[in-house]
């Protein structure tokens, strides 16, 4: 996978070159990842720092945070983990400061991501970019259903679709 700055430059260049085929809509439904995500798999977190608050059942990871669950990877500068009552498991993850989400061949970027482990729904907000192969979609919000392997982009959506090459 290309580093994030190169990815952004590539997609920006792609937009400039392909402006005539850009389509705009209020929302777009797309697939995300190569298969359904098993949310029962363990969640592995690595980071530079960890602060735990026993009083409110949270843990804050900061600095180069990488979270993995199955084939899905999420990276961010800061992630707040909210535990279930009794600390029997994870309820949700709140990633902020510029987030990258990768699942199989698909990648998404945004300013913030909230992952509800119980429902399997990830919401990304703030200048979201979704890249799937040669295709790119931008919008304000991305909703990923990890159970169904689907995603929906909303909020002034722009899409660049590459036509198939003729043989």
N, C-alpha and C. Protein backbone atom coordinates (compact mmCIF):
# COMPACT_ATOMS: atom_id res chain seq x y z
N UNK A 1 0.84 -1.18 0.00
CA UNK A 1 0.00 0.00 0.00
C UNK A 1 0.87 1.24 0.00
N UNK A 2 0.47 2.28 -0.76
CA UNK A 2 1.23 3.52 -0.82
C UNK A 2 1.14 4.27 0.50
N UNK A 3 2.21 4.98 0.88
CA UNK A 3 2.10 5.83 2.07
C UNK A 3 0.98 6.85 1.89
N UNK A 4 0.41 7.31 3.00
CA UNK A 4 -0.76 8.19 2.97
C UNK A 4 -0.52 9.44 2.13
N UNK A 5 0.59 10.21 2.29
CA UNK A 5 0.76 11.41 1.46
C UNK A 5 0.79 11.09 -0.04
N UNK A 6 1.47 10.01 -0.43
CA UNK A 6 1.50 9.64 -1.85
C UNK A 6 0.12 9.23 -2.33
N UNK A 7 -0.64 8.55 -1.46
CA UNK A 7 -2.00 8.15 -1.80
C UNK A 7 -2.86 9.38 -2.07
N UNK A 8 -2.76 10.38 -1.19
CA UNK A 8 -3.54 11.61 -1.37
C UNK A 8 -3.13 12.32 -2.67
N UNK A 9 -1.82 12.40 -2.95
CA UNK A 9 -1.35 13.05 -4.18
C UNK A 9 -1.85 12.30 -5.40
N UNK A 10 -1.81 10.96 -5.33
CA UNK A 10 -2.27 10.14 -6.44
C UNK A 10 -3.74 10.37 -6.72
N UNK A 11 -4.54 10.35 -5.67
CA UNK A 11 -5.99 10.51 -5.83
C UNK A 11 -6.31 11.94 -6.29
N UNK A 12 -5.61 12.94 -5.75
CA UNK A 12 -5.83 14.32 -6.19
C UNK A 12 -5.52 14.45 -7.67
N UNK A 13 -4.40 13.88 -8.10
CA UNK A 13 -4.05 13.91 -9.52
C UNK A 13 -5.09 13.19 -10.36
N UNK A 14 -5.58 12.08 -9.84
CA UNK A 14 -6.62 11.32 -10.54
C UNK A 14 -7.87 12.17 -10.72
N UNK A 15 -8.25 12.92 -9.68
CA UNK A 15 -9.41 13.80 -9.79
C UNK A 15 -9.20 14.85 -10.88
N UNK A 16 -8.03 15.47 -10.91
CA UNK A 16 -7.77 16.52 -11.88
C UNK A 16 -7.79 15.99 -13.31
N UNK A 17 -7.24 14.80 -13.50
CA UNK A 17 -7.19 14.21 -14.84
C UNK A 17 -8.57 13.74 -15.28
N UNK A 18 -9.38 13.27 -14.35
CA UNK A 18 -10.65 12.64 -14.70
C UNK A 18 -11.86 13.51 -14.40
N UNK A 19 -11.72 14.81 -14.29
CA UNK A 19 -12.86 15.67 -13.97
C UNK A 19 -14.06 15.47 -14.88
N UNK A 20 -13.88 15.22 -16.17
CA UNK A 20 -15.07 15.04 -17.00
C UNK A 20 -15.94 13.85 -16.62
N UNK A 21 -15.37 12.83 -15.95
CA UNK A 21 -16.19 11.68 -15.62
C UNK A 21 -16.58 11.65 -14.15
N UNK A 22 -16.35 12.75 -13.44
CA UNK A 22 -16.74 12.80 -12.03
C UNK A 22 -18.25 12.89 -11.94
N UNK A 23 -18.83 12.07 -11.10
CA UNK A 23 -20.27 12.12 -10.89
C UNK A 23 -20.53 12.52 -9.45
N UNK A 24 -21.56 13.32 -9.22
CA UNK A 24 -21.88 13.76 -7.87
C UNK A 24 -23.25 13.22 -7.48
N UNK A 25 -23.38 12.87 -6.20
CA UNK A 25 -24.64 12.34 -5.69
C UNK A 25 -24.74 12.66 -4.21
N UNK A 26 -25.91 12.42 -3.63
CA UNK A 26 -26.10 12.65 -2.21
C UNK A 26 -25.60 11.47 -1.38
N UNK A 27 -25.51 10.29 -1.95
CA UNK A 27 -25.03 9.12 -1.22
C UNK A 27 -24.68 8.02 -2.19
N UNK A 28 -23.74 7.16 -1.81
CA UNK A 28 -23.33 6.07 -2.67
C UNK A 28 -23.14 4.82 -1.83
N UNK A 29 -23.72 3.70 -2.26
CA UNK A 29 -23.57 2.42 -1.58
C UNK A 29 -22.50 1.62 -2.29
N UNK A 30 -21.52 1.11 -1.55
CA UNK A 30 -20.42 0.36 -2.13
C UNK A 30 -20.07 -0.82 -1.23
N UNK A 31 -19.31 -1.75 -1.76
CA UNK A 31 -18.78 -2.84 -0.95
C UNK A 31 -17.55 -2.32 -0.20
N UNK A 32 -17.19 -2.98 0.89
CA UNK A 32 -15.98 -2.61 1.62
C UNK A 32 -15.31 -3.86 2.15
N UNK A 33 -14.04 -4.03 1.82
CA UNK A 33 -13.29 -5.21 2.24
C UNK A 33 -13.57 -6.38 1.32
N UNK A 34 -12.78 -7.43 1.49
CA UNK A 34 -12.94 -8.58 0.60
C UNK A 34 -13.96 -9.59 1.13
N UNK A 35 -14.36 -9.46 2.39
CA UNK A 35 -15.36 -10.37 2.95
C UNK A 35 -15.94 -9.76 4.22
N UNK A 36 -16.89 -10.46 4.81
CA UNK A 36 -17.47 -10.00 6.06
C UNK A 36 -16.41 -10.06 7.16
N UNK A 37 -16.44 -9.08 8.06
CA UNK A 37 -15.50 -9.01 9.17
C UNK A 37 -16.07 -9.79 10.35
N UNK A 38 -15.28 -10.66 10.94
CA UNK A 38 -15.71 -11.39 12.13
C UNK A 38 -15.39 -10.55 13.36
N UNK A 39 -16.40 -9.89 13.92
CA UNK A 39 -16.16 -8.99 15.05
C UNK A 39 -15.90 -9.74 16.35
N UNK A 40 -15.99 -11.07 16.32
CA UNK A 40 -15.66 -11.87 17.49
C UNK A 40 -14.16 -12.18 17.58
N UNK A 41 -13.42 -11.83 16.52
CA UNK A 41 -11.98 -12.03 16.56
C UNK A 41 -11.36 -11.07 17.57
N UNK A 42 -10.20 -11.41 18.13
CA UNK A 42 -9.56 -10.50 19.07
C UNK A 42 -9.16 -9.19 18.41
N UNK A 43 -9.19 -8.12 19.20
CA UNK A 43 -8.76 -6.80 18.75
C UNK A 43 -7.38 -6.56 19.33
N UNK A 44 -6.38 -6.37 18.46
CA UNK A 44 -5.00 -6.14 18.90
C UNK A 44 -4.68 -4.66 18.74
N UNK A 45 -4.16 -4.04 19.81
CA UNK A 45 -3.83 -2.61 19.78
C UNK A 45 -2.36 -2.44 20.13
N UNK A 46 -1.64 -1.65 19.30
CA UNK A 46 -0.27 -1.25 19.64
C UNK A 46 -0.22 0.27 19.57
N UNK A 47 0.58 0.86 20.47
CA UNK A 47 0.68 2.32 20.53
C UNK A 47 1.93 2.70 21.32
N UNK A 48 2.28 3.99 21.25
CA UNK A 48 3.42 4.48 22.03
C UNK A 48 3.07 4.63 23.51
N UNK A 49 1.82 4.99 23.82
CA UNK A 49 1.40 5.25 25.19
C UNK A 49 0.02 4.69 25.46
N UNK A 50 -0.23 4.38 26.74
CA UNK A 50 -1.53 3.90 27.19
C UNK A 50 -1.85 4.52 28.54
N UNK A 51 -3.05 5.10 28.65
CA UNK A 51 -3.57 5.61 29.92
C UNK A 51 -4.90 4.93 30.18
N UNK A 52 -5.03 4.29 31.35
CA UNK A 52 -6.24 3.57 31.71
C UNK A 52 -6.97 4.32 32.81
N UNK A 53 -8.30 4.45 32.66
CA UNK A 53 -9.13 5.09 33.67
C UNK A 53 -10.11 4.04 34.19
N UNK A 54 -9.82 3.47 35.36
CA UNK A 54 -10.67 2.44 35.95
C UNK A 54 -12.04 2.99 36.34
N UNK A 55 -12.12 4.29 36.66
CA UNK A 55 -13.38 4.88 37.11
C UNK A 55 -14.44 4.90 36.04
N UNK A 56 -14.07 5.23 34.79
CA UNK A 56 -15.07 5.29 33.73
C UNK A 56 -14.95 4.14 32.72
N UNK A 57 -14.03 3.20 32.95
CA UNK A 57 -13.92 2.03 32.08
C UNK A 57 -13.41 2.34 30.69
N UNK A 58 -12.41 3.24 30.63
CA UNK A 58 -11.84 3.58 29.32
C UNK A 58 -10.32 3.42 29.34
N UNK A 59 -9.77 3.34 28.16
CA UNK A 59 -8.32 3.33 27.97
C UNK A 59 -8.03 4.23 26.77
N UNK A 60 -7.01 5.08 26.89
CA UNK A 60 -6.65 5.96 25.79
C UNK A 60 -5.26 5.59 25.29
N UNK A 61 -5.20 5.20 24.02
CA UNK A 61 -3.93 4.89 23.36
C UNK A 61 -3.53 6.11 22.54
N UNK A 62 -2.26 6.51 22.63
CA UNK A 62 -1.78 7.65 21.86
C UNK A 62 -0.44 7.32 21.21
N UNK A 63 -0.17 7.99 20.09
CA UNK A 63 1.09 7.85 19.39
C UNK A 63 1.17 6.60 18.54
N UNK A 64 1.07 6.77 17.24
CA UNK A 64 1.23 5.65 16.29
C UNK A 64 0.35 4.46 16.63
N UNK A 65 -0.93 4.71 16.86
CA UNK A 65 -1.85 3.64 17.26
C UNK A 65 -2.20 2.80 16.03
N UNK A 66 -2.07 1.49 16.19
CA UNK A 66 -2.46 0.54 15.15
C UNK A 66 -3.37 -0.50 15.80
N UNK A 67 -4.56 -0.64 15.23
CA UNK A 67 -5.54 -1.60 15.75
C UNK A 67 -5.83 -2.61 14.65
N UNK A 68 -5.78 -3.88 15.00
CA UNK A 68 -6.07 -4.93 14.04
C UNK A 68 -7.14 -5.86 14.55
N UNK A 69 -8.04 -6.26 13.65
CA UNK A 69 -9.04 -7.28 13.95
C UNK A 69 -9.25 -8.06 12.66
N UNK A 70 -8.78 -9.30 12.62
CA UNK A 70 -8.85 -10.07 11.39
C UNK A 70 -8.03 -9.38 10.31
N UNK A 71 -8.64 -9.17 9.12
CA UNK A 71 -7.92 -8.51 8.02
C UNK A 71 -8.05 -6.99 8.06
N UNK A 72 -8.80 -6.46 9.03
CA UNK A 72 -9.01 -5.02 9.11
C UNK A 72 -7.94 -4.36 9.98
N UNK A 73 -7.42 -3.19 9.51
CA UNK A 73 -6.44 -2.40 10.25
C UNK A 73 -6.91 -0.97 10.33
N UNK A 74 -6.77 -0.36 11.52
CA UNK A 74 -7.11 1.04 11.72
C UNK A 74 -5.89 1.71 12.35
N UNK A 75 -5.48 2.86 11.80
CA UNK A 75 -4.36 3.60 12.38
C UNK A 75 -4.82 5.03 12.66
N UNK A 76 -4.29 5.59 13.76
CA UNK A 76 -4.65 6.95 14.16
C UNK A 76 -3.66 7.42 15.22
N UNK A 77 -3.58 8.74 15.43
CA UNK A 77 -2.73 9.25 16.50
C UNK A 77 -3.29 8.98 17.90
N UNK A 78 -4.64 8.91 18.02
CA UNK A 78 -5.27 8.74 19.33
C UNK A 78 -6.51 7.85 19.20
N UNK A 79 -6.64 6.88 20.11
CA UNK A 79 -7.82 6.01 20.12
C UNK A 79 -8.28 5.83 21.57
N UNK A 80 -9.56 6.12 21.79
CA UNK A 80 -10.20 5.90 23.08
C UNK A 80 -10.95 4.58 22.99
N UNK A 81 -10.64 3.67 23.91
CA UNK A 81 -11.34 2.38 23.98
C UNK A 81 -12.32 2.45 25.15
N UNK A 82 -13.60 2.17 24.87
CA UNK A 82 -14.62 2.16 25.90
C UNK A 82 -14.99 0.70 26.14
N UNK A 83 -14.83 0.27 27.39
CA UNK A 83 -15.11 -1.12 27.74
C UNK A 83 -16.57 -1.31 28.14
N UNK A 84 -17.07 -2.53 27.95
CA UNK A 84 -18.41 -2.90 28.40
C UNK A 84 -18.46 -2.85 29.92
N UNK A 85 -19.66 -2.73 30.47
CA UNK A 85 -19.83 -2.75 31.93
C UNK A 85 -19.18 -4.00 32.49
N UNK A 86 -18.45 -3.85 33.57
CA UNK A 86 -17.76 -4.99 34.16
C UNK A 86 -16.48 -5.33 33.43
N UNK A 87 -16.13 -4.53 32.44
CA UNK A 87 -14.92 -4.71 31.63
C UNK A 87 -14.81 -6.14 31.09
N UNK A 88 -15.94 -6.65 30.58
CA UNK A 88 -15.99 -7.99 30.01
C UNK A 88 -15.64 -8.03 28.53
N UNK A 89 -15.43 -6.87 27.94
CA UNK A 89 -15.10 -6.77 26.53
C UNK A 89 -15.09 -5.32 26.10
N UNK A 90 -14.88 -5.11 24.82
CA UNK A 90 -14.83 -3.75 24.28
C UNK A 90 -16.19 -3.37 23.71
N UNK A 91 -16.67 -2.20 24.10
CA UNK A 91 -17.93 -1.67 23.56
C UNK A 91 -17.68 -0.90 22.27
N UNK A 92 -16.70 0.02 22.31
CA UNK A 92 -16.45 0.85 21.13
C UNK A 92 -15.04 1.40 21.12
N UNK A 93 -14.63 1.86 19.94
CA UNK A 93 -13.36 2.53 19.72
C UNK A 93 -13.65 3.89 19.10
N UNK A 94 -12.98 4.94 19.59
CA UNK A 94 -13.12 6.28 19.02
C UNK A 94 -11.74 6.75 18.60
N UNK A 95 -11.48 6.78 17.30
CA UNK A 95 -10.18 7.17 16.76
C UNK A 95 -10.25 8.60 16.24
N UNK A 96 -9.24 9.42 16.57
CA UNK A 96 -9.24 10.82 16.16
C UNK A 96 -7.85 11.26 15.71
N UNK A 97 -7.83 12.40 15.02
CA UNK A 97 -6.57 13.01 14.62
C UNK A 97 -6.08 12.63 13.25
N UNK A 98 -6.95 12.05 12.43
CA UNK A 98 -6.57 11.55 11.10
C UNK A 98 -6.50 10.04 11.16
N UNK A 99 -7.47 9.38 10.56
CA UNK A 99 -7.65 7.93 10.69
C UNK A 99 -7.54 7.27 9.32
N UNK A 100 -6.87 6.13 9.28
CA UNK A 100 -6.83 5.30 8.08
C UNK A 100 -7.39 3.93 8.43
N UNK A 101 -8.32 3.45 7.60
CA UNK A 101 -8.94 2.14 7.78
C UNK A 101 -8.69 1.32 6.53
N UNK A 102 -8.13 0.12 6.71
CA UNK A 102 -7.83 -0.76 5.58
C UNK A 102 -8.47 -2.11 5.84
N UNK A 103 -9.17 -2.62 4.83
CA UNK A 103 -9.76 -3.95 4.90
C UNK A 103 -9.61 -4.59 3.53
N UNK A 104 -8.80 -5.64 3.45
CA UNK A 104 -8.56 -6.27 2.16
C UNK A 104 -7.98 -5.26 1.19
N UNK A 105 -8.55 -5.16 -0.02
CA UNK A 105 -8.02 -4.24 -1.02
C UNK A 105 -8.51 -2.79 -0.87
N UNK A 106 -9.39 -2.52 0.10
CA UNK A 106 -10.00 -1.21 0.23
C UNK A 106 -9.35 -0.41 1.35
N UNK A 107 -9.30 0.91 1.17
CA UNK A 107 -8.73 1.80 2.19
C UNK A 107 -9.59 3.05 2.29
N UNK A 108 -9.72 3.59 3.50
CA UNK A 108 -10.48 4.81 3.73
C UNK A 108 -9.70 5.70 4.69
N UNK A 109 -9.84 7.02 4.49
CA UNK A 109 -9.22 8.00 5.36
C UNK A 109 -10.28 9.00 5.79
N UNK A 110 -10.12 9.53 7.00
CA UNK A 110 -11.02 10.56 7.52
C UNK A 110 -10.41 11.17 8.76
N UNK A 111 -11.05 12.19 9.29
CA UNK A 111 -10.55 12.86 10.48
C UNK A 111 -10.85 12.07 11.75
N UNK A 112 -11.98 11.34 11.76
CA UNK A 112 -12.42 10.64 12.97
C UNK A 112 -13.13 9.34 12.55
N UNK A 113 -13.02 8.32 13.40
CA UNK A 113 -13.75 7.08 13.17
C UNK A 113 -14.27 6.55 14.50
N UNK A 114 -15.53 6.13 14.51
CA UNK A 114 -16.14 5.51 15.68
C UNK A 114 -16.55 4.10 15.28
N UNK A 115 -16.05 3.10 16.02
CA UNK A 115 -16.32 1.70 15.72
C UNK A 115 -17.08 1.09 16.89
N UNK A 116 -18.35 0.75 16.65
CA UNK A 116 -19.17 0.08 17.65
C UNK A 116 -18.96 -1.42 17.47
N UNK A 117 -18.22 -2.02 18.38
CA UNK A 117 -17.88 -3.44 18.25
C UNK A 117 -19.14 -4.31 18.30
N UNK A 118 -20.11 -3.94 19.12
CA UNK A 118 -21.33 -4.72 19.29
C UNK A 118 -22.12 -4.80 17.99
N UNK A 119 -22.31 -3.67 17.31
CA UNK A 119 -23.10 -3.66 16.07
C UNK A 119 -22.26 -3.93 14.83
N UNK A 120 -20.94 -3.74 14.92
CA UNK A 120 -20.07 -3.92 13.76
C UNK A 120 -20.08 -2.74 12.81
N UNK A 121 -20.59 -1.58 13.25
CA UNK A 121 -20.69 -0.39 12.40
C UNK A 121 -19.52 0.56 12.69
N UNK A 122 -18.87 1.02 11.63
CA UNK A 122 -17.82 2.03 11.72
C UNK A 122 -18.33 3.27 11.01
N UNK A 123 -18.25 4.42 11.69
CA UNK A 123 -18.60 5.71 11.10
C UNK A 123 -17.34 6.55 11.02
N UNK A 124 -16.98 6.97 9.80
CA UNK A 124 -15.85 7.88 9.61
C UNK A 124 -16.40 9.24 9.21
N UNK A 125 -15.82 10.29 9.78
CA UNK A 125 -16.29 11.64 9.53
C UNK A 125 -15.13 12.55 9.14
N UNK A 126 -15.44 13.58 8.35
CA UNK A 126 -14.47 14.62 8.04
C UNK A 126 -13.61 14.34 6.84
N UNK A 127 -13.99 14.90 5.69
CA UNK A 127 -13.21 14.75 4.45
C UNK A 127 -12.80 13.30 4.21
N UNK A 128 -13.78 12.44 4.10
CA UNK A 128 -13.54 11.02 3.93
C UNK A 128 -13.13 10.72 2.49
N UNK A 129 -12.14 9.87 2.35
CA UNK A 129 -11.68 9.37 1.06
C UNK A 129 -11.70 7.85 1.11
N UNK A 130 -12.42 7.23 0.17
CA UNK A 130 -12.48 5.77 0.05
C UNK A 130 -11.84 5.39 -1.27
N UNK A 131 -10.83 4.53 -1.23
CA UNK A 131 -10.14 4.08 -2.44
C UNK A 131 -10.34 2.58 -2.58
N UNK A 132 -10.82 2.19 -3.77
CA UNK A 132 -11.03 0.79 -4.10
C UNK A 132 -10.40 0.54 -5.46
N UNK A 133 -9.19 0.00 -5.46
CA UNK A 133 -8.47 -0.20 -6.71
C UNK A 133 -8.21 1.14 -7.38
N UNK A 134 -8.65 1.31 -8.62
CA UNK A 134 -8.48 2.56 -9.36
C UNK A 134 -9.61 3.55 -9.11
N UNK A 135 -10.62 3.16 -8.35
CA UNK A 135 -11.77 4.02 -8.10
C UNK A 135 -11.64 4.73 -6.76
N UNK A 136 -12.15 5.96 -6.70
CA UNK A 136 -12.10 6.75 -5.48
C UNK A 136 -13.43 7.44 -5.25
N UNK A 137 -13.81 7.54 -3.98
CA UNK A 137 -15.04 8.23 -3.59
C UNK A 137 -14.69 9.14 -2.42
N UNK A 138 -15.16 10.38 -2.47
CA UNK A 138 -14.98 11.29 -1.35
C UNK A 138 -16.35 11.74 -0.86
N UNK A 139 -16.39 12.13 0.40
CA UNK A 139 -17.62 12.62 1.01
C UNK A 139 -17.33 13.06 2.43
N UNK A 140 -18.37 13.42 3.15
CA UNK A 140 -18.20 13.87 4.53
C UNK A 140 -18.27 12.71 5.53
N UNK A 141 -19.05 11.67 5.22
CA UNK A 141 -19.24 10.58 6.16
C UNK A 141 -19.22 9.24 5.42
N UNK A 142 -18.58 8.26 6.05
CA UNK A 142 -18.54 6.89 5.54
C UNK A 142 -19.07 5.98 6.63
N UNK A 143 -20.08 5.16 6.29
CA UNK A 143 -20.62 4.17 7.21
C UNK A 143 -20.21 2.80 6.69
N UNK A 144 -19.49 2.03 7.48
CA UNK A 144 -19.05 0.70 7.09
C UNK A 144 -19.78 -0.31 7.97
N UNK A 145 -20.47 -1.27 7.35
CA UNK A 145 -21.11 -2.37 8.07
C UNK A 145 -20.18 -3.57 7.92
N UNK A 146 -19.40 -3.86 8.97
CA UNK A 146 -18.42 -4.94 8.88
C UNK A 146 -19.07 -6.31 8.81
N UNK A 147 -20.33 -6.43 9.25
CA UNK A 147 -21.05 -7.71 9.16
C UNK A 147 -21.42 -8.02 7.72
N UNK A 148 -21.91 -7.02 7.01
CA UNK A 148 -22.36 -7.22 5.63
C UNK A 148 -21.26 -7.00 4.61
N UNK A 149 -20.15 -6.36 5.01
CA UNK A 149 -19.09 -6.06 4.05
C UNK A 149 -19.49 -4.94 3.10
N UNK A 150 -20.34 -4.01 3.57
CA UNK A 150 -20.79 -2.92 2.73
C UNK A 150 -20.42 -1.58 3.35
N UNK A 151 -20.51 -0.53 2.54
CA UNK A 151 -20.24 0.82 3.01
C UNK A 151 -21.17 1.79 2.30
N UNK A 152 -21.40 2.95 2.93
CA UNK A 152 -22.21 4.00 2.33
C UNK A 152 -21.50 5.32 2.58
N UNK A 153 -21.34 6.11 1.54
CA UNK A 153 -20.72 7.42 1.63
C UNK A 153 -21.81 8.46 1.46
N UNK A 154 -21.79 9.51 2.31
CA UNK A 154 -22.79 10.56 2.19
C UNK A 154 -22.14 11.92 2.42
N UNK A 155 -22.85 12.97 2.04
CA UNK A 155 -22.37 14.33 2.24
C UNK A 155 -21.52 14.83 1.09
N UNK A 156 -22.15 15.35 0.07
CA UNK A 156 -21.47 15.90 -1.12
C UNK A 156 -20.46 14.90 -1.68
N UNK A 157 -20.98 13.80 -2.17
CA UNK A 157 -20.17 12.68 -2.65
C UNK A 157 -19.62 12.98 -4.04
N UNK A 158 -18.35 12.70 -4.23
CA UNK A 158 -17.71 12.75 -5.55
C UNK A 158 -17.12 11.38 -5.82
N UNK A 159 -17.32 10.90 -7.02
CA UNK A 159 -16.84 9.59 -7.38
C UNK A 159 -16.03 9.67 -8.66
N UNK A 160 -14.90 8.96 -8.68
CA UNK A 160 -14.12 8.79 -9.90
C UNK A 160 -14.14 7.31 -10.21
N UNK A 161 -14.71 6.96 -11.35
CA UNK A 161 -14.78 5.57 -11.78
C UNK A 161 -13.96 5.39 -13.04
N UNK A 162 -13.13 4.39 -13.04
CA UNK A 162 -12.28 4.12 -14.20
C UNK A 162 -13.03 3.19 -15.15
N UNK A 163 -13.19 3.59 -16.42
CA UNK A 163 -13.84 2.70 -17.37
C UNK A 163 -12.95 1.49 -17.65
N UNK A 164 -13.60 0.37 -17.99
CA UNK A 164 -12.83 -0.81 -18.33
C UNK A 164 -12.14 -0.61 -19.66
N UNK A 165 -10.92 -1.11 -19.78
CA UNK A 165 -10.18 -1.00 -21.03
C UNK A 165 -10.79 -1.97 -22.06
N UNK A 166 -10.91 -1.47 -23.28
CA UNK A 166 -11.45 -2.35 -24.35
C UNK A 166 -10.37 -3.26 -24.86
N UNK A 167 -10.75 -4.46 -25.15
CA UNK A 167 -9.82 -5.47 -25.66
C UNK A 167 -9.85 -5.50 -27.16
